[in-house]
Amino acid sequence: MIFSDVYDEGHDRVFVLHDTVEVRVPHQFYAKLSKRYSDEEIVSMQEPKILRNHYTGRELVYVTRESGIPLVGHTAFGLIDRGTNLIQVRPVSGCNLNCIFCSVDEGHSKTRKTDYIVDTDYLVEEFAKLAALKGNDVEAHVDGQGEPFIYPYMIELLQKLRKVPNVKTISAQSNGMLLNEDNITAMTGLIDRVNLSISSLDERTAWMLAGTKKYSVGHVKDVAVKLLEHGIDVLLAPVWVPGFNDAEIPKIIEFGLSIGAGRRYPAFGVQNYVRYQFGKKVKGKPMRFDQFFEKLAVLEQQYGVKLKLAPADFGIHRAPALKKAFKKGDRLKLDLVAPGRVHGEMLAVARDRVIGVLTDRPVGSRVSAAITRTTDNVYVAVTSTA
């Protein structure tokens, strides 16, 4: 076991694994345990200890088969089936950036209280079961609420996904900051496309949008080139935030064309900034979608590229979906098994699904709740006192 860092903070001895997982052991227990065990033994076997996401500082729940937490039912981790041949694979939550437009309020968050990391074998085994329903042209799309490449076992995950018989395509989202020559080389032959989030080529504008000066436009541009050099296709995916990066969208298109992005798939996936309930709110008025598509049409004509995309452009089509376990209005007695992603939410398990329950009751409580959301096998329940 190799630690990325070891340090003391407050009342804890902190061990950082793979730059992502913090294992915190209280000093009073570490002092006793260190007399009998090595640091590796203390981290892997001994209690008490606390897991945190090193990037966000939030509590980290390690989701394994033994945890009893299913991988279908929540948007923060696991698997999402929207009734197509594309399956969203979410191995981790949390982000290394602090984008001002983030739809899930990642980075310095006011709403998020918990992060999750999923055991690789568990994730792939459950993915393979779901993929078997879909036919022989499944796309495994590795994304998440945050930056997927903070997942410390990404190469192992891609290797195992590639071995699933039904998988034709593997793609992933990334802001590019954690990609480099080494992991790009390791991904060669495993992944087909990276959707690279880059919303400005101007350094100062990029810092403002990313919410940190740690963001490097030069690095992300280099990553785009290196991915293409290694045979991994690139889709540039800027978020168009009116009043902030209007002049940057044409520059990003010109950059993408200059490096040959979009060799097998669309080169650009321009997204319109939308205010979401639990997302970050940017000052100013968002662009209406009719205005957004009008602007895309102008850019399409100017540059001769397709910007108004449809699922068919990626080979995505309807496919058999996982059967729903609940319907709206179902009332259940639920045991709370883990903290939820946002404040005022806890996780419960029923019928091989994980359910986000809106409650402030602690883990171990039993609550009566009614299902209020079932879309795409993602479940939310509300208690009578929520």
Protein backbone atom coordinates (compact mmCIF):
# COMPACT_ATOMS: atom_id res chain seq x y z
CA MET A 1 0.00 0.00 0.00
CA ILE A 2 1.49 3.32 -1.13
CA PHE A 3 0.29 6.55 0.45
CA SER A 4 0.14 9.74 -1.63
CA ASP A 5 0.55 11.73 1.57
CA VAL A 6 0.57 11.29 5.34
CA TYR A 7 0.05 14.19 7.72
CA ASP A 8 -1.53 15.30 10.99
CA GLU A 9 -4.59 17.53 10.99
CA GLY A 10 -6.59 18.45 14.06
CA HIS A 11 -7.15 15.33 16.12
CA ASP A 12 -6.40 12.90 13.26
CA ARG A 13 -3.56 11.13 11.55
CA VAL A 14 -4.43 11.40 7.84
CA PHE A 15 -3.39 8.86 5.19
CA VAL A 16 -4.13 9.73 1.54
CA LEU A 17 -4.52 6.86 -0.92
CA HIS A 18 -4.19 7.43 -4.68
CA ASP A 19 -4.69 11.21 -4.20
CA THR A 20 -8.42 10.66 -3.60
CA VAL A 21 -9.24 8.65 -0.47
CA GLU A 22 -8.45 10.06 2.96
CA VAL A 23 -8.32 7.60 5.85
CA ARG A 24 -8.45 9.50 9.13
CA VAL A 25 -7.46 7.77 12.35
CA PRO A 26 -7.87 9.68 15.66
CA HIS A 27 -4.50 10.34 17.30
CA GLN A 28 -5.49 8.65 20.54
CA PHE A 29 -6.15 5.39 18.72
CA TYR A 30 -3.26 5.73 16.29
CA ALA A 31 -0.81 6.09 19.19
CA LYS A 32 -1.99 2.76 20.63
CA LEU A 33 -2.32 0.89 17.34
CA SER A 34 1.07 2.00 15.97
CA LYS A 35 2.80 0.12 18.79
CA ARG A 36 1.48 -3.18 17.39
CA TYR A 37 0.69 -2.58 13.71
CA SER A 38 2.21 -0.97 10.65
CA ASP A 39 0.49 2.01 9.04
CA GLU A 40 -0.69 -0.23 6.22
CA GLU A 41 -2.32 -2.63 8.70
CA ILE A 42 -3.94 0.23 10.61
CA VAL A 43 -5.43 1.72 7.43
CA SER A 44 -6.67 -1.57 5.98
CA MET A 45 -7.87 -3.45 9.06
CA GLN A 46 -8.25 -1.38 12.19
CA GLU A 47 -11.08 0.75 13.56
CA PRO A 48 -12.05 3.45 14.31
CA LYS A 49 -11.35 5.43 11.15
CA ILE A 50 -13.12 7.94 8.96
CA LEU A 51 -13.10 8.03 5.15
CA ARG A 52 -13.13 11.36 3.32
CA ASN A 53 -12.77 12.53 -0.25
CA HIS A 54 -9.38 14.26 -0.40
CA TYR A 55 -10.56 16.64 -3.14
CA THR A 56 -13.74 17.82 -1.42
CA GLY A 57 -13.17 17.08 2.27
CA ARG A 58 -16.59 15.41 2.45
CA GLU A 59 -17.42 12.12 4.10
CA LEU A 60 -16.78 9.25 1.68
CA VAL A 61 -19.01 6.17 1.57
CA TYR A 62 -17.29 3.10 0.12
CA VAL A 63 -19.95 1.15 -1.78
CA THR A 64 -19.17 -2.56 -2.04
CA ARG A 65 -21.36 -5.61 -2.52
CA GLU A 66 -20.86 -6.30 1.19
CA SER A 67 -22.21 -2.85 2.04
CA GLY A 68 -25.64 -4.00 0.86
CA ILE A 69 -26.14 -0.79 -1.13
CA PRO A 70 -27.43 -1.49 -4.67
CA LEU A 71 -25.98 0.36 -7.66
CA VAL A 72 -29.29 1.31 -9.27
CA GLY A 73 -31.55 4.00 -7.86
CA HIS A 74 -29.40 7.10 -7.28
CA THR A 75 -27.72 9.63 -9.58
CA ALA A 76 -24.60 10.14 -7.45
CA PHE A 77 -23.06 6.69 -7.95
CA GLY A 78 -23.56 3.32 -9.59
CA LEU A 79 -25.45 2.77 -12.84
CA ILE A 80 -28.12 4.79 -14.65
CA ASP A 81 -30.29 3.19 -17.34
CA ARG A 82 -32.36 5.67 -19.36
CA GLY A 83 -33.84 3.05 -21.67
CA THR A 84 -31.18 3.21 -24.39
CA ASN A 85 -28.08 1.23 -25.34
CA LEU A 86 -25.99 3.72 -23.33
CA ILE A 87 -25.42 2.95 -19.64
CA GLN A 88 -24.02 5.67 -17.40
CA VAL A 89 -21.28 4.31 -15.14
CA ARG A 90 -20.63 6.43 -12.06
CA PRO A 91 -17.70 5.12 -9.98
CA VAL A 92 -17.17 8.18 -7.79
CA SER A 93 -18.56 11.59 -6.89
CA GLY A 94 -16.66 14.79 -6.19
CA CYS A 95 -14.56 17.17 -8.25
CA ASN A 96 -11.13 18.78 -8.42
CA LEU A 97 -12.60 22.04 -9.79
CA ASN A 98 -15.21 24.53 -8.58
CA CYS A 99 -17.00 25.57 -11.78
CA ILE A 100 -19.37 28.50 -11.27
CA PHE A 101 -22.00 26.93 -13.56
CA CYS A 102 -21.89 23.38 -12.15
CA SER A 103 -25.29 21.70 -12.49
CA VAL A 104 -24.68 19.53 -9.41
CA ASP A 105 -23.04 22.17 -7.18
CA GLU A 106 -19.66 20.42 -7.10
CA GLY A 107 -16.46 21.87 -5.69
CA HIS A 108 -17.13 24.23 -2.77
CA SER A 109 -20.69 23.11 -2.28
CA LYS A 110 -23.51 24.42 -0.13
CA THR A 111 -25.78 21.45 -0.85
CA ARG A 112 -23.55 18.34 -1.02
CA LYS A 113 -22.59 16.59 2.19
CA THR A 114 -21.43 13.13 1.10
CA ASP A 115 -19.33 11.54 -1.65
CA TYR A 116 -19.33 7.92 -2.82
CA ILE A 117 -16.76 5.57 -4.32
CA VAL A 118 -17.75 2.19 -5.76
CA ASP A 119 -15.72 -1.02 -5.70
CA THR A 120 -14.56 -1.78 -9.24
CA ASP A 121 -15.53 -5.47 -9.33
CA TYR A 122 -18.97 -4.75 -7.91
CA LEU A 123 -19.55 -1.98 -10.44
CA VAL A 124 -18.49 -4.07 -13.45
CA GLU A 125 -20.40 -7.17 -12.35
CA GLU A 126 -23.64 -5.21 -12.00
CA PHE A 127 -22.94 -3.35 -15.26
CA ALA A 128 -22.56 -6.66 -17.10
CA LYS A 129 -25.96 -7.83 -15.83
CA LEU A 130 -27.59 -4.64 -17.10
CA ALA A 131 -25.69 -4.69 -20.40
CA ALA A 132 -26.96 -8.21 -21.08
CA LEU A 133 -30.46 -6.74 -21.46
CA LYS A 134 -29.37 -4.26 -24.10
CA GLY A 135 -28.01 -6.17 -27.10
CA ASN A 136 -24.53 -6.15 -28.61
CA ASP A 137 -23.86 -2.44 -29.12
CA VAL A 138 -23.76 -1.11 -25.57
CA GLU A 139 -21.95 2.12 -24.78
CA ALA A 140 -20.45 2.34 -21.31
CA HIS A 141 -20.31 6.05 -20.54
CA VAL A 142 -18.19 6.84 -17.48
CA ASP A 143 -19.42 10.09 -15.98
CA GLY A 144 -20.57 11.35 -12.62
CA GLN A 145 -21.45 14.22 -10.35
CA GLY A 146 -18.02 15.78 -10.66
CA GLU A 147 -14.80 14.59 -12.31
CA PRO A 148 -14.75 10.82 -13.02
CA PHE A 149 -10.96 10.70 -13.24
CA ILE A 150 -10.55 11.30 -9.51
CA TYR A 151 -11.51 7.60 -9.36
CA PRO A 152 -8.20 5.96 -8.40
CA TYR A 153 -8.96 2.70 -10.21
CA MET A 154 -10.00 4.14 -13.58
CA ILE A 155 -7.63 2.07 -15.73
CA GLU A 156 -8.73 -1.13 -13.99
CA LEU A 157 -12.36 -0.13 -14.52
CA LEU A 158 -11.83 0.50 -18.24
CA GLN A 159 -9.97 -2.80 -18.63
CA LYS A 160 -12.81 -4.74 -17.05
CA LEU A 161 -15.56 -2.87 -18.92
CA ARG A 162 -13.77 -3.65 -22.19
CA LYS A 163 -14.06 -7.36 -21.41
CA VAL A 164 -17.88 -7.24 -21.06
CA PRO A 165 -19.15 -9.03 -24.21
CA ASN A 166 -21.97 -6.59 -25.01
CA VAL A 167 -19.80 -3.46 -24.93
CA LYS A 168 -19.08 -1.82 -28.27
CA THR A 169 -18.09 1.66 -27.11
CA ILE A 170 -16.52 3.12 -23.98
CA SER A 171 -16.56 6.87 -23.44
CA ALA A 172 -15.96 9.21 -20.52
CA GLN A 173 -16.44 12.78 -19.38
CA SER A 174 -13.48 14.77 -18.06
CA ASN A 175 -12.33 18.31 -17.38
CA GLY A 176 -8.89 17.13 -18.46
CA MET A 177 -6.87 18.37 -15.51
CA LEU A 178 -6.06 14.90 -14.15
CA LEU A 179 -5.20 13.40 -17.54
CA ASN A 180 -1.56 13.13 -18.56
CA GLU A 181 0.81 11.21 -20.83
CA ASP A 182 0.93 8.22 -18.49
CA ASN A 183 -2.78 7.61 -17.99
CA ILE A 184 -3.60 8.49 -21.60
CA THR A 185 -1.08 5.86 -22.74
CA ALA A 186 -2.60 3.37 -20.29
CA MET A 187 -6.09 4.07 -21.69
CA THR A 188 -5.05 3.46 -25.31
CA GLY A 189 -7.16 0.69 -26.79
CA LEU A 190 -9.52 0.74 -23.81
CA ILE A 191 -11.54 3.91 -24.35
CA ASP A 192 -13.00 5.23 -27.59
CA ARG A 193 -13.85 8.84 -26.78
CA VAL A 194 -13.35 11.48 -24.11
CA ASN A 195 -15.86 14.31 -23.85
CA LEU A 196 -13.53 17.09 -22.75
CA SER A 197 -15.06 19.98 -20.82
CA ILE A 198 -13.37 23.20 -21.91
CA SER A 199 -15.37 26.41 -21.77
CA SER A 200 -12.73 29.04 -22.56
CA LEU A 201 -9.33 29.31 -24.23
CA ASP A 202 -8.61 32.57 -22.41
CA GLU A 203 -6.74 31.80 -19.19
CA ARG A 204 -8.43 34.43 -17.00
CA THR A 205 -11.91 33.59 -18.25
CA ALA A 206 -11.17 29.91 -17.74
CA TRP A 207 -10.04 30.53 -14.15
CA MET A 208 -13.25 32.44 -13.45
CA LEU A 209 -15.46 29.71 -14.95
CA ALA A 210 -13.53 26.89 -13.24
CA GLY A 211 -13.59 28.71 -9.90
CA THR A 212 -9.87 28.16 -9.39
CA LYS A 213 -6.51 29.33 -10.73
CA LYS A 214 -5.34 25.71 -10.63
CA TYR A 215 -7.12 25.23 -13.94
CA SER A 216 -4.74 25.33 -16.92
CA VAL A 217 -6.03 25.96 -20.45
CA GLY A 218 -2.64 24.98 -21.84
CA HIS A 219 -2.70 21.63 -20.07
CA VAL A 220 -6.21 20.78 -21.26
CA LYS A 221 -5.34 21.75 -24.85
CA ASP A 222 -2.28 19.47 -24.65
CA VAL A 223 -4.46 16.68 -23.29
CA ALA A 224 -6.84 17.02 -26.24
CA VAL A 225 -3.92 16.66 -28.67
CA LYS A 226 -2.40 13.71 -26.78
CA LEU A 227 -5.72 11.86 -26.70
CA LEU A 228 -6.02 12.16 -30.48
CA GLU A 229 -2.39 11.09 -30.95
CA HIS A 230 -3.19 7.92 -29.01
CA GLY A 231 -6.24 7.13 -31.15
CA ILE A 232 -8.79 8.30 -28.58
CA ASP A 233 -11.43 10.53 -30.12
CA VAL A 234 -12.18 13.90 -28.55
CA LEU A 235 -15.45 15.80 -28.24
CA LEU A 236 -15.02 19.33 -26.93
CA ALA A 237 -17.92 20.16 -24.59
CA PRO A 238 -18.05 23.82 -23.55
CA VAL A 239 -20.85 25.17 -21.39
CA TRP A 240 -22.10 28.42 -22.93
CA VAL A 241 -22.69 30.87 -20.07
CA PRO A 242 -24.21 34.09 -21.46
CA GLY A 243 -22.24 37.19 -20.57
CA PHE A 244 -19.19 35.16 -19.55
CA ASN A 245 -17.80 33.16 -22.47
CA ASP A 246 -19.82 34.19 -25.53
CA ALA A 247 -16.66 35.11 -27.45
CA GLU A 248 -14.95 31.86 -26.47
CA ILE A 249 -17.30 29.40 -28.20
CA PRO A 250 -16.08 30.24 -31.74
CA LYS A 251 -12.46 29.98 -30.53
CA ILE A 252 -13.11 26.52 -29.09
CA ILE A 253 -14.64 25.42 -32.39
CA GLU A 254 -11.61 26.74 -34.29
CA PHE A 255 -9.26 24.92 -31.89
CA GLY A 256 -11.17 21.66 -32.27
CA LEU A 257 -11.07 21.88 -36.05
CA SER A 258 -7.33 22.66 -35.99
CA ILE A 259 -6.47 19.49 -34.03
CA GLY A 260 -8.87 17.17 -35.87
CA ALA A 261 -11.32 16.47 -33.04
CA GLY A 262 -14.35 14.37 -33.87
CA ARG A 263 -12.78 11.69 -36.06
CA ARG A 264 -15.46 9.09 -35.42
CA TYR A 265 -17.98 11.04 -33.36
CA PRO A 266 -19.17 14.66 -33.33
CA ALA A 267 -16.34 17.05 -32.52
CA PHE A 268 -18.37 19.45 -30.39
CA GLY A 269 -21.09 19.18 -27.77
CA VAL A 270 -21.90 22.78 -26.85
CA GLN A 271 -24.15 22.90 -23.78
CA ASN A 272 -26.49 25.68 -22.76
CA TYR A 273 -26.12 26.82 -19.14
CA VAL A 274 -29.27 25.91 -17.21
CA ARG A 275 -30.15 26.80 -13.63
CA TYR A 276 -30.92 23.60 -11.73
CA GLN A 277 -32.53 23.30 -8.33
CA PHE A 278 -29.37 21.95 -6.68
CA GLY A 279 -26.91 23.52 -9.13
CA LYS A 280 -24.84 26.70 -8.92
CA LYS A 281 -26.55 29.92 -9.92
CA VAL A 282 -24.66 32.27 -12.23
CA LYS A 283 -25.61 35.94 -12.22
CA GLY A 284 -27.49 37.13 -15.27
CA LYS A 285 -30.28 35.73 -17.39
CA PRO A 286 -29.83 32.24 -18.89
CA MET A 287 -30.28 31.85 -22.61
CA ARG A 288 -33.63 30.49 -23.76
CA PHE A 289 -33.21 27.29 -25.72
CA ASP A 290 -34.71 28.77 -28.88
CA GLN A 291 -32.07 31.52 -28.70
CA PHE A 292 -29.36 28.93 -27.99
CA PHE A 293 -30.27 26.83 -31.03
CA GLU A 294 -30.45 29.94 -33.23
CA LYS A 295 -26.90 30.82 -32.20
CA LEU A 296 -25.73 27.27 -32.85
CA ALA A 297 -27.28 27.42 -36.33
CA VAL A 298 -25.25 30.54 -37.11
CA LEU A 299 -22.04 28.85 -35.94
CA GLU A 300 -22.87 25.70 -37.92
CA GLN A 301 -23.13 27.76 -41.09
CA GLN A 302 -20.00 29.75 -40.29
CA TYR A 303 -17.77 26.74 -39.58
CA GLY A 304 -19.45 23.94 -41.53
CA VAL A 305 -19.80 21.67 -38.52
CA LYS A 306 -22.79 20.04 -36.85
CA LEU A 307 -23.53 21.50 -33.42
CA LYS A 308 -27.19 20.60 -32.89
CA LEU A 309 -26.76 17.00 -31.88
CA ALA A 310 -29.12 14.07 -31.39
CA PRO A 311 -28.58 10.68 -29.70
CA ALA A 312 -28.40 9.05 -33.15
CA ASP A 313 -25.19 11.01 -33.85
CA PHE A 314 -23.52 8.78 -31.25
CA GLY A 315 -25.28 5.56 -32.25
CA ILE A 316 -27.60 5.79 -29.25
CA HIS A 317 -31.04 4.22 -29.65
CA ARG A 318 -33.85 2.80 -27.56
CA ALA A 319 -33.10 -0.53 -25.91
CA PRO A 320 -34.76 -2.72 -23.26
CA ALA A 321 -34.69 -1.05 -19.86
CA LEU A 322 -34.41 -2.44 -16.37
CA LYS A 323 -37.83 -3.03 -14.88
CA LYS A 324 -38.92 -0.45 -12.33
CA ALA A 325 -39.17 -1.65 -8.76
CA PHE A 326 -41.66 0.97 -7.56
CA LYS A 327 -44.32 3.34 -8.81
CA LYS A 328 -45.12 6.82 -7.60
CA GLY A 329 -47.19 6.83 -4.42
CA ASP A 330 -45.93 3.48 -3.12
CA ARG A 331 -45.63 3.66 0.67
CA LEU A 332 -42.75 1.80 2.28
CA LYS A 333 -41.14 1.14 5.62
CA LEU A 334 -37.47 1.93 5.03
CA ASP A 335 -34.32 1.44 7.09
CA LEU A 336 -31.80 4.26 6.63
CA VAL A 337 -28.41 2.73 5.80
CA ALA A 338 -26.12 5.62 4.79
CA PRO A 339 -25.96 9.40 4.54
CA GLY A 340 -27.46 10.93 1.42
CA ARG A 341 -25.71 13.06 -1.18
CA VAL A 342 -27.35 16.34 -0.13
CA HIS A 343 -28.35 17.85 3.20
CA GLY A 344 -31.73 16.57 4.28
CA GLU A 345 -31.34 13.24 2.46
CA MET A 346 -30.49 9.71 3.61
CA LEU A 347 -30.13 6.45 1.69
CA ALA A 348 -32.36 3.42 2.12
CA VAL A 349 -32.52 0.05 0.35
CA ALA A 350 -35.53 -1.93 -0.87
CA ARG A 351 -36.18 -4.43 -3.69
CA ASP A 352 -32.56 -4.27 -4.84
CA ARG A 353 -32.72 -0.50 -5.34
CA VAL A 354 -31.16 2.38 -3.44
CA ILE A 355 -33.60 5.16 -2.56
CA GLY A 356 -32.89 8.77 -1.66
CA VAL A 357 -35.13 9.54 1.31
CA LEU A 358 -35.79 13.16 2.23
CA THR A 359 -35.33 13.09 5.99
CA ASP A 360 -32.97 14.26 8.72
CA ARG A 361 -33.27 11.03 10.71
CA PRO A 362 -29.94 9.25 11.39
CA VAL A 363 -28.58 6.00 9.99
CA GLY A 364 -30.29 3.04 11.65
CA SER A 365 -33.69 4.73 11.82
CA ARG A 366 -36.80 3.19 10.28
CA VAL A 367 -39.11 5.61 8.49
CA SER A 368 -42.38 5.49 6.62
CA ALA A 369 -42.06 7.15 3.21
CA ALA A 370 -43.81 7.53 -0.11
CA ILE A 371 -42.07 7.21 -3.47
CA THR A 372 -42.21 10.52 -5.38
CA ARG A 373 -39.80 9.86 -8.25
CA THR A 374 -39.23 6.76 -10.41
CA THR A 375 -37.88 8.21 -13.68
CA ASP A 376 -35.05 6.10 -15.16
CA ASN A 377 -35.08 3.82 -12.10
CA VAL A 378 -33.88 6.73 -9.95
CA TYR A 379 -35.91 6.80 -6.74
CA VAL A 380 -36.78 9.54 -4.28
CA ALA A 381 -39.03 9.08 -1.28
CA VAL A 382 -40.53 11.62 1.12
CA THR A 383 -41.36 10.91 4.72
CA SER A 384 -44.52 12.23 6.33
CA THR A 385 -42.40 14.64 8.43
CA ALA A 386 -39.98 15.69 5.62
